[in-house]
Amino acid sequence: MPVSIHLLGIDRLTVQERSDLIGKIWDRLPDSVDRAELPEWHMAEIARRCADAVARPGLGKPWREVLGSL
């Protein structure tokens, strides 16, 4: 049976509860993943973003710089 936000009751959570849940899920992601576990569209999106970064250098900011401004 596919997992859905309705089946899990996520649609009934408050915004704060959803945000907390996202953090809990994020914290439990493994440090590395076998490429075979990733959907092909993830790999296509990564390739698209890499190509965009190469085509438009200097447009983005390093993550450390962004985090430093927060």
C-alpha atoms as a PDB file:
ATOM      1  CA  MET A   1       0.000   0.000   0.000  1.00  0.00           C
ATOM      2  CA  PRO A   2       1.482   3.381  -0.986  1.00  0.00           C
ATOM      3  CA  VAL A   3       2.180   5.864   1.782  1.00  0.00           C
ATOM      4  CA  SER A   4       0.196   9.098   1.637  1.00  0.00           C
ATOM      5  CA  ILE A   5      -0.092  12.190   3.792  1.00  0.00           C
ATOM      6  CA  HIS A   6      -3.748  11.338   4.344  1.00  0.00           C
ATOM      7  CA  LEU A   7      -3.056   7.759   5.407  1.00  0.00           C
ATOM      8  CA  LEU A   8      -0.385   8.929   7.856  1.00  0.00           C
ATOM      9  CA  GLY A   9      -2.505  11.816   9.142  1.00  0.00           C
ATOM     10  CA  ILE A  10       0.069  14.422   8.145  1.00  0.00           C
ATOM     11  CA  ASP A  11      -2.655  16.541   6.573  1.00  0.00           C
ATOM     12  CA  ARG A  12      -4.153  16.999  10.049  1.00  0.00           C
ATOM     13  CA  LEU A  13      -0.937  18.320  11.621  1.00  0.00           C
ATOM     14  CA  THR A  14      -0.348  21.994  12.288  1.00  0.00           C
ATOM     15  CA  VAL A  15       2.340  23.830  10.331  1.00  0.00           C
ATOM     16  CA  GLN A  16       4.639  23.641  13.367  1.00  0.00           C
ATOM     17  CA  GLU A  17       4.029  19.900  13.742  1.00  0.00           C
ATOM     18  CA  ARG A  18       4.756  19.348  10.047  1.00  0.00           C
ATOM     19  CA  SER A  19       7.946  21.379  10.334  1.00  0.00           C
ATOM     20  CA  ASP A  20       9.024  19.333  13.357  1.00  0.00           C
ATOM     21  CA  LEU A  21       8.254  16.118  11.465  1.00  0.00           C
ATOM     22  CA  ILE A  22      10.367  17.242   8.510  1.00  0.00           C
ATOM     23  CA  GLY A  23      13.266  17.862  10.889  1.00  0.00           C
ATOM     24  CA  LYS A  24      12.881  14.441  12.484  1.00  0.00           C
ATOM     25  CA  ILE A  25      12.807  12.729   9.093  1.00  0.00           C
ATOM     26  CA  TRP A  26      15.805  14.752   7.868  1.00  0.00           C
ATOM     27  CA  ASP A  27      17.821  13.815  10.955  1.00  0.00           C
ATOM     28  CA  ARG A  28      17.235  10.128  10.249  1.00  0.00           C
ATOM     29  CA  LEU A  29      18.380  10.129   6.635  1.00  0.00           C
ATOM     30  CA  PRO A  30      21.548   8.087   6.134  1.00  0.00           C
ATOM     31  CA  ASP A  31      24.861   9.802   5.402  1.00  0.00           C
ATOM     32  CA  SER A  32      25.114   7.973   2.100  1.00  0.00           C
ATOM     33  CA  VAL A  33      22.669   6.230  -0.194  1.00  0.00           C
ATOM     34  CA  ASP A  34      23.175   3.642  -2.897  1.00  0.00           C
ATOM     35  CA  ARG A  35      22.521   5.310  -6.258  1.00  0.00           C
ATOM     36  CA  ALA A  36      20.140   2.475  -7.114  1.00  0.00           C
ATOM     37  CA  GLU A  37      17.841   3.706  -4.316  1.00  0.00           C
ATOM     38  CA  LEU A  38      17.396   7.141  -5.915  1.00  0.00           C
ATOM     39  CA  PRO A  39      14.620   7.771  -8.422  1.00  0.00           C
ATOM     40  CA  GLU A  40      15.891   8.559 -11.895  1.00  0.00           C
ATOM     41  CA  TRP A  41      14.186  11.967 -11.795  1.00  0.00           C
ATOM     42  CA  HIS A  42      16.419  12.920  -8.832  1.00  0.00           C
ATOM     43  CA  MET A  43      19.502  12.177 -10.888  1.00  0.00           C
ATOM     44  CA  ALA A  44      18.074  14.121 -13.843  1.00  0.00           C
ATOM     45  CA  GLU A  45      17.378  17.122 -11.590  1.00  0.00           C
ATOM     46  CA  ILE A  46      20.898  17.025 -10.167  1.00  0.00           C
ATOM     47  CA  ALA A  47      22.314  16.926 -13.699  1.00  0.00           C
ATOM     48  CA  ARG A  48      20.091  19.845 -14.733  1.00  0.00           C
ATOM     49  CA  ARG A  49      21.169  21.932 -11.756  1.00  0.00           C
ATOM     50  CA  CYS A  50      24.853  21.145 -12.310  1.00  0.00           C
ATOM     51  CA  ALA A  51      24.561  22.162 -15.972  1.00  0.00           C
ATOM     52  CA  ASP A  52      22.793  25.384 -14.938  1.00  0.00           C
ATOM     53  CA  ALA A  53      25.553  26.174 -12.427  1.00  0.00           C
ATOM     54  CA  VAL A  54      28.231  25.642 -15.081  1.00  0.00           C
ATOM     55  CA  ALA A  55      26.322  27.761 -17.614  1.00  0.00           C
ATOM     56  CA  ARG A  56      25.801  30.626 -15.160  1.00  0.00           C
ATOM     57  CA  PRO A  57      28.844  30.836 -12.884  1.00  0.00           C
ATOM     58  CA  GLY A  58      28.673  33.372 -10.092  1.00  0.00           C
ATOM     59  CA  LEU A  59      24.882  33.429 -10.014  1.00  0.00           C
ATOM     60  CA  GLY A  60      24.534  31.359  -6.847  1.00  0.00           C
ATOM     61  CA  LYS A  61      26.207  31.679  -3.469  1.00  0.00           C
ATOM     62  CA  PRO A  62      28.153  29.088  -1.502  1.00  0.00           C
ATOM     63  CA  TRP A  63      26.015  27.500   1.217  1.00  0.00           C
ATOM     64  CA  ARG A  64      28.408  28.691   3.930  1.00  0.00           C
ATOM     65  CA  GLU A  65      27.856  32.272   2.805  1.00  0.00           C
ATOM     66  CA  VAL A  66      24.090  31.852   2.845  1.00  0.00           C
ATOM     67  CA  LEU A  67      24.120  30.207   6.279  1.00  0.00           C
ATOM     68  CA  GLY A  68      26.422  32.933   7.580  1.00  0.00           C
ATOM     69  CA  SER A  69      23.878  35.589   6.657  1.00  0.00           C
ATOM     70  CA  LEU A  70      21.151  33.825   8.610  1.00  0.00           C
END
